[in-house]
Amino acid sequence: MTPPLRTAHTYELTPDELTEIRAQLEDAFEGDLGDEDWDHGLGGVHAFVRDPDGALVAHGSVIQRRVLVGGCSYRIGYVEAVAVRADRRRQGLGGRVMAALEQVIDGAYAAGALAASDDGARLYRARGRQPWAARVETLGPAGVVRLPEEEGCTYLRPAAGRPLPVAPDGALVFDWRDGDVL
């Protein structure tokens, strides 16, 4: 039996569900999930899967970000907090979560974006995401700041078959946020 997938906006989740999701993410990221990381995954749509016993086994969320590309500002769906419980990996659960998030992106945004770990890159490429081949920057409090550590691991996906935004100067400039910008 395929475990059910649920989508819900952050405001629809109970405090107990949010606590459970955070605990699952902390476990999946082996304790490397700070308060700012947790906050980055809130305020958008969550997709998650529970096993038949009700235990949370996979999660991801998509939140709104603003990105400057070629002098234009785009509303994009930024994927955050994607994790599958270690004993349930390689069973298609991450793909199911991503498919649900991609439906949200296709219906509401110009494109989807995310920063991929080495482990996640294979899944994202298989789902049609393309690595941004040029500069990645942020518009911070002191102006534009280059993020060289994000170059090569920032992935984009067109929404609903639309073309990806093109940057003649090569820069992809994300809105600022505290903690890791991407």
C-alpha atoms as a PDB file:
ATOM      1  CA  MET A   1       0.000   0.000   0.000  1.00  0.00           C
ATOM      2  CA  THR A   2       1.308   3.440  -0.942  1.00  0.00           C
ATOM      3  CA  PRO A   3       1.502   5.713   2.102  1.00  0.00           C
ATOM      4  CA  PRO A   4      -0.728   8.796   1.756  1.00  0.00           C
ATOM      5  CA  LEU A   5       0.782  12.170   0.933  1.00  0.00           C
ATOM      6  CA  ARG A   6      -0.642  15.332   2.483  1.00  0.00           C
ATOM      7  CA  THR A   7      -0.088  18.966   1.576  1.00  0.00           C
ATOM      8  CA  ALA A   8      -0.819  21.833   3.945  1.00  0.00           C
ATOM      9  CA  HIS A   9       0.189  25.438   4.422  1.00  0.00           C
ATOM     10  CA  THR A  10       2.205  26.145   7.554  1.00  0.00           C
ATOM     11  CA  TYR A  11      -0.798  27.826   9.183  1.00  0.00           C
ATOM     12  CA  GLU A  12      -2.803  24.595   8.807  1.00  0.00           C
ATOM     13  CA  LEU A  13      -0.304  22.497  10.762  1.00  0.00           C
ATOM     14  CA  THR A  14      -0.777  21.946  14.471  1.00  0.00           C
ATOM     15  CA  PRO A  15       2.006  22.720  16.937  1.00  0.00           C
ATOM     16  CA  ASP A  16       2.456  18.957  17.423  1.00  0.00           C
ATOM     17  CA  GLU A  17       2.819  18.411  13.664  1.00  0.00           C
ATOM     18  CA  LEU A  18       5.375  21.208  13.412  1.00  0.00           C
ATOM     19  CA  THR A  19       7.330  19.722  16.320  1.00  0.00           C
ATOM     20  CA  GLU A  20       7.240  16.304  14.637  1.00  0.00           C
ATOM     21  CA  ILE A  21       8.400  17.723  11.290  1.00  0.00           C
ATOM     22  CA  ARG A  22      11.266  19.591  12.931  1.00  0.00           C
ATOM     23  CA  ALA A  23      12.351  16.448  14.813  1.00  0.00           C
ATOM     24  CA  GLN A  24      12.310  14.444  11.574  1.00  0.00           C
ATOM     25  CA  LEU A  25      14.415  17.105   9.836  1.00  0.00           C
ATOM     26  CA  GLU A  26      16.901  17.286  12.707  1.00  0.00           C
ATOM     27  CA  ASP A  27      17.283  13.514  12.532  1.00  0.00           C
ATOM     28  CA  ALA A  28      17.648  13.499   8.732  1.00  0.00           C
ATOM     29  CA  PHE A  29      20.203  16.325   8.820  1.00  0.00           C
ATOM     30  CA  GLU A  30      22.036  14.653  11.712  1.00  0.00           C
ATOM     31  CA  GLY A  31      21.592  17.573  14.100  1.00  0.00           C
ATOM     32  CA  ASP A  32      22.673  20.207  11.554  1.00  0.00           C
ATOM     33  CA  LEU A  33      19.374  22.139  11.505  1.00  0.00           C
ATOM     34  CA  GLY A  34      19.473  25.466  13.313  1.00  0.00           C
ATOM     35  CA  ASP A  35      16.603  27.792  14.157  1.00  0.00           C
ATOM     36  CA  GLU A  36      17.193  29.871  11.017  1.00  0.00           C
ATOM     37  CA  ASP A  37      17.225  26.730   8.847  1.00  0.00           C
ATOM     38  CA  TRP A  38      13.923  25.659  10.398  1.00  0.00           C
ATOM     39  CA  ASP A  39      12.423  29.115   9.883  1.00  0.00           C
ATOM     40  CA  HIS A  40      13.370  29.067   6.192  1.00  0.00           C
ATOM     41  CA  GLY A  41      11.047  26.119   5.580  1.00  0.00           C
ATOM     42  CA  LEU A  42       8.010  27.795   7.149  1.00  0.00           C
ATOM     43  CA  GLY A  43       5.379  30.088   5.652  1.00  0.00           C
ATOM     44  CA  GLY A  44       4.624  28.049   2.558  1.00  0.00           C
ATOM     45  CA  VAL A  45       3.178  24.722   1.517  1.00  0.00           C
ATOM     46  CA  HIS A  46       4.436  21.501   3.095  1.00  0.00           C
ATOM     47  CA  ALA A  47       4.183  18.061   1.495  1.00  0.00           C
ATOM     48  CA  PHE A  48       4.706  15.042   3.694  1.00  0.00           C
ATOM     49  CA  VAL A  49       4.212  11.313   3.816  1.00  0.00           C
ATOM     50  CA  ARG A  50       3.366   9.139   6.797  1.00  0.00           C
ATOM     51  CA  ASP A  51       3.795   5.380   6.944  1.00  0.00           C
ATOM     52  CA  PRO A  52       0.722   3.199   7.671  1.00  0.00           C
ATOM     53  CA  ASP A  53       1.444   3.486  11.405  1.00  0.00           C
ATOM     54  CA  GLY A  54       1.260   7.288  11.176  1.00  0.00           C
ATOM     55  CA  ALA A  55       4.991   8.002  11.523  1.00  0.00           C
ATOM     56  CA  LEU A  56       6.384  10.835   9.426  1.00  0.00           C
ATOM     57  CA  VAL A  57       8.762   9.436   6.788  1.00  0.00           C
ATOM     58  CA  ALA A  58       9.240  12.229   4.213  1.00  0.00           C
ATOM     59  CA  HIS A  59       8.816  16.013   4.095  1.00  0.00           C
ATOM     60  CA  GLY A  60       9.510  19.069   1.968  1.00  0.00           C
ATOM     61  CA  SER A  61       8.174  22.593   1.695  1.00  0.00           C
ATOM     62  CA  VAL A  62       8.024  25.333  -0.904  1.00  0.00           C
ATOM     63  CA  ILE A  63       8.128  28.982   0.092  1.00  0.00           C
ATOM     64  CA  GLN A  64       8.040  32.208  -1.901  1.00  0.00           C
ATOM     65  CA  ARG A  65      11.310  33.979  -2.707  1.00  0.00           C
ATOM     66  CA  ARG A  66      12.130  36.909  -4.959  1.00  0.00           C
ATOM     67  CA  VAL A  67      14.941  36.540  -7.484  1.00  0.00           C
ATOM     68  CA  LEU A  68      16.398  39.184  -9.776  1.00  0.00           C
ATOM     69  CA  VAL A  69      17.338  37.833 -13.175  1.00  0.00           C
ATOM     70  CA  GLY A  70      18.323  40.028 -16.104  1.00  0.00           C
ATOM     71  CA  GLY A  71      16.938  43.145 -14.431  1.00  0.00           C
ATOM     72  CA  CYS A  72      13.523  41.601 -13.684  1.00  0.00           C
ATOM     73  CA  SER A  73      12.150  40.433 -10.344  1.00  0.00           C
ATOM     74  CA  TYR A  74      10.511  37.005 -10.343  1.00  0.00           C
ATOM     75  CA  ARG A  75       8.378  35.287  -7.726  1.00  0.00           C
ATOM     76  CA  ILE A  76       9.787  31.792  -7.418  1.00  0.00           C
ATOM     77  CA  GLY A  77       8.913  28.735  -5.379  1.00  0.00           C
ATOM     78  CA  TYR A  78      11.967  27.881  -3.315  1.00  0.00           C
ATOM     79  CA  VAL A  79      12.135  24.289  -2.074  1.00  0.00           C
ATOM     80  CA  GLU A  80      13.261  23.804   1.522  1.00  0.00           C
ATOM     81  CA  ALA A  81      13.495  21.130   4.184  1.00  0.00           C
ATOM     82  CA  VAL A  82      13.391  18.055   1.944  1.00  0.00           C
ATOM     83  CA  ALA A  83      14.227  14.921   3.903  1.00  0.00           C
ATOM     84  CA  VAL A  84      13.341  11.252   3.940  1.00  0.00           C
ATOM     85  CA  ARG A  85      13.798   9.123   7.029  1.00  0.00           C
ATOM     86  CA  ALA A  86      17.009   7.093   6.639  1.00  0.00           C
ATOM     87  CA  ASP A  87      15.312   3.673   6.683  1.00  0.00           C
ATOM     88  CA  ARG A  88      12.815   4.742   3.981  1.00  0.00           C
ATOM     89  CA  ARG A  89      15.207   6.248   1.427  1.00  0.00           C
ATOM     90  CA  ARG A  90      15.368   5.011  -2.178  1.00  0.00           C
ATOM     91  CA  GLN A  91      11.658   4.065  -2.117  1.00  0.00           C
ATOM     92  CA  GLY A  92      10.334   6.973  -4.183  1.00  0.00           C
ATOM     93  CA  LEU A  93       9.117   9.036  -1.237  1.00  0.00           C
ATOM     94  CA  GLY A  94      11.365  12.008  -2.019  1.00  0.00           C
ATOM     95  CA  GLY A  95      10.057  11.959  -5.578  1.00  0.00           C
ATOM     96  CA  ARG A  96       6.456  11.957  -4.351  1.00  0.00           C
ATOM     97  CA  VAL A  97       7.150  14.925  -2.079  1.00  0.00           C
ATOM     98  CA  MET A  98       8.877  16.786  -4.920  1.00  0.00           C
ATOM     99  CA  ALA A  99       5.988  16.045  -7.327  1.00  0.00           C
ATOM    100  CA  ALA A 100       3.551  17.641  -4.879  1.00  0.00           C
ATOM    101  CA  LEU A 101       5.791  20.689  -4.421  1.00  0.00           C
ATOM    102  CA  GLU A 102       6.229  20.989  -8.194  1.00  0.00           C
ATOM    103  CA  GLN A 103       2.428  21.191  -8.580  1.00  0.00           C
ATOM    104  CA  VAL A 104       2.446  24.177  -6.230  1.00  0.00           C
ATOM    105  CA  ILE A 105       5.327  25.766  -8.155  1.00  0.00           C
ATOM    106  CA  ASP A 106       3.612  25.175 -11.509  1.00  0.00           C
ATOM    107  CA  GLY A 107       0.428  26.837 -10.279  1.00  0.00           C
ATOM    108  CA  ALA A 108       1.871  29.808  -8.417  1.00  0.00           C
ATOM    109  CA  TYR A 109       5.407  30.733  -9.511  1.00  0.00           C
ATOM    110  CA  ALA A 110       7.545  31.660 -12.509  1.00  0.00           C
ATOM    111  CA  ALA A 111      10.075  28.943 -11.650  1.00  0.00           C
ATOM    112  CA  GLY A 112      11.275  26.699  -8.869  1.00  0.00           C
ATOM    113  CA  ALA A 113      14.689  26.827  -7.229  1.00  0.00           C
ATOM    114  CA  LEU A 114      16.643  25.061  -4.531  1.00  0.00           C
ATOM    115  CA  ALA A 115      20.149  24.513  -3.237  1.00  0.00           C
ATOM    116  CA  ALA A 116      21.067  20.848  -3.558  1.00  0.00           C
ATOM    117  CA  SER A 117      23.310  18.753  -1.398  1.00  0.00           C
ATOM    118  CA  ASP A 118      25.477  16.187  -3.166  1.00  0.00           C
ATOM    119  CA  ASP A 119      23.021  13.496  -2.013  1.00  0.00           C
ATOM    120  CA  GLY A 120      19.986  15.367  -3.345  1.00  0.00           C
ATOM    121  CA  ALA A 121      21.390  16.517  -6.695  1.00  0.00           C
ATOM    122  CA  ARG A 122      20.623  13.226  -8.460  1.00  0.00           C
ATOM    123  CA  LEU A 123      16.929  13.388  -7.492  1.00  0.00           C
ATOM    124  CA  TYR A 124      16.611  17.013  -8.582  1.00  0.00           C
ATOM    125  CA  ARG A 125      18.319  16.475 -11.941  1.00  0.00           C
ATOM    126  CA  ALA A 126      16.084  13.477 -12.610  1.00  0.00           C
ATOM    127  CA  ARG A 127      13.094  15.746 -11.981  1.00  0.00           C
ATOM    128  CA  GLY A 128      14.151  18.304 -14.616  1.00  0.00           C
ATOM    129  CA  ARG A 129      16.051  20.774 -12.468  1.00  0.00           C
ATOM    130  CA  GLN A 130      19.065  22.397 -14.067  1.00  0.00           C
ATOM    131  CA  PRO A 131      22.091  23.717 -12.218  1.00  0.00           C
ATOM    132  CA  TRP A 132      22.536  27.461 -12.625  1.00  0.00           C
ATOM    133  CA  ALA A 133      25.815  27.698 -14.513  1.00  0.00           C
ATOM    134  CA  ALA A 134      26.733  31.282 -13.610  1.00  0.00           C
ATOM    135  CA  ARG A 135      26.980  33.619 -10.624  1.00  0.00           C
ATOM    136  CA  VAL A 136      24.695  33.319  -7.602  1.00  0.00           C
ATOM    137  CA  GLU A 137      24.295  36.431  -5.489  1.00  0.00           C
ATOM    138  CA  THR A 138      22.079  37.982  -2.838  1.00  0.00           C
ATOM    139  CA  LEU A 139      20.832  41.516  -2.390  1.00  0.00           C
ATOM    140  CA  GLY A 140      21.929  41.965   1.215  1.00  0.00           C
ATOM    141  CA  PRO A 141      21.705  44.886   3.632  1.00  0.00           C
ATOM    142  CA  ALA A 142      25.015  46.250   2.289  1.00  0.00           C
ATOM    143  CA  GLY A 143      24.213  45.639  -1.401  1.00  0.00           C
ATOM    144  CA  VAL A 144      24.850  42.755  -3.780  1.00  0.00           C
ATOM    145  CA  VAL A 145      27.025  39.965  -2.362  1.00  0.00           C
ATOM    146  CA  ARG A 146      28.333  37.072  -4.432  1.00  0.00           C
ATOM    147  CA  LEU A 147      27.718  33.559  -3.026  1.00  0.00           C
ATOM    148  CA  PRO A 148      30.434  31.463  -4.694  1.00  0.00           C
ATOM    149  CA  GLU A 149      29.745  28.489  -2.401  1.00  0.00           C
ATOM    150  CA  GLU A 150      26.220  28.277  -3.914  1.00  0.00           C
ATOM    151  CA  GLU A 151      27.421  28.260  -7.511  1.00  0.00           C
ATOM    152  CA  GLY A 152      27.060  24.834  -9.068  1.00  0.00           C
ATOM    153  CA  CYS A 153      24.599  23.589  -6.433  1.00  0.00           C
ATOM    154  CA  THR A 154      21.723  26.014  -7.080  1.00  0.00           C
ATOM    155  CA  TYR A 155      19.121  24.356  -9.277  1.00  0.00           C
ATOM    156  CA  LEU A 156      16.223  25.829 -11.229  1.00  0.00           C
ATOM    157  CA  ARG A 157      13.165  24.249 -12.796  1.00  0.00           C
ATOM    158  CA  PRO A 158      10.758  25.987 -15.162  1.00  0.00           C
ATOM    159  CA  ALA A 159       7.191  26.230 -13.888  1.00  0.00           C
ATOM    160  CA  ALA A 160       4.418  24.710 -16.006  1.00  0.00           C
ATOM    161  CA  GLY A 161       6.632  24.421 -19.068  1.00  0.00           C
ATOM    162  CA  ARG A 162       7.534  28.116 -19.149  1.00  0.00           C
ATOM    163  CA  PRO A 163      11.128  28.976 -20.100  1.00  0.00           C
ATOM    164  CA  LEU A 164      13.582  29.728 -17.336  1.00  0.00           C
ATOM    165  CA  PRO A 165      14.406  33.411 -16.837  1.00  0.00           C
ATOM    166  CA  VAL A 166      17.551  34.424 -18.722  1.00  0.00           C
ATOM    167  CA  ALA A 167      20.270  36.596 -17.206  1.00  0.00           C
ATOM    168  CA  PRO A 168      22.375  38.328 -19.863  1.00  0.00           C
ATOM    169  CA  ASP A 169      24.937  39.201 -17.187  1.00  0.00           C
ATOM    170  CA  GLY A 170      24.835  35.676 -15.767  1.00  0.00           C
ATOM    171  CA  ALA A 171      23.731  36.673 -12.265  1.00  0.00           C
ATOM    172  CA  LEU A 172      20.931  35.068 -10.264  1.00  0.00           C
ATOM    173  CA  VAL A 173      20.265  37.444  -7.336  1.00  0.00           C
ATOM    174  CA  PHE A 174      18.206  36.095  -4.419  1.00  0.00           C
ATOM    175  CA  ASP A 175      16.429  38.138  -1.783  1.00  0.00           C
ATOM    176  CA  TRP A 176      18.204  38.416   1.566  1.00  0.00           C
ATOM    177  CA  ARG A 177      17.382  36.368   4.646  1.00  0.00           C
ATOM    178  CA  ASP A 178      19.224  35.721   7.887  1.00  0.00           C
ATOM    179  CA  GLY A 179      21.308  32.566   8.163  1.00  0.00           C
ATOM    180  CA  ASP A 180      22.078  30.661   4.986  1.00  0.00           C
ATOM    181  CA  VAL A 181      20.694  32.708   2.110  1.00  0.00           C
ATOM    182  CA  LEU A 182      20.242  29.490   0.108  1.00  0.00           C
END
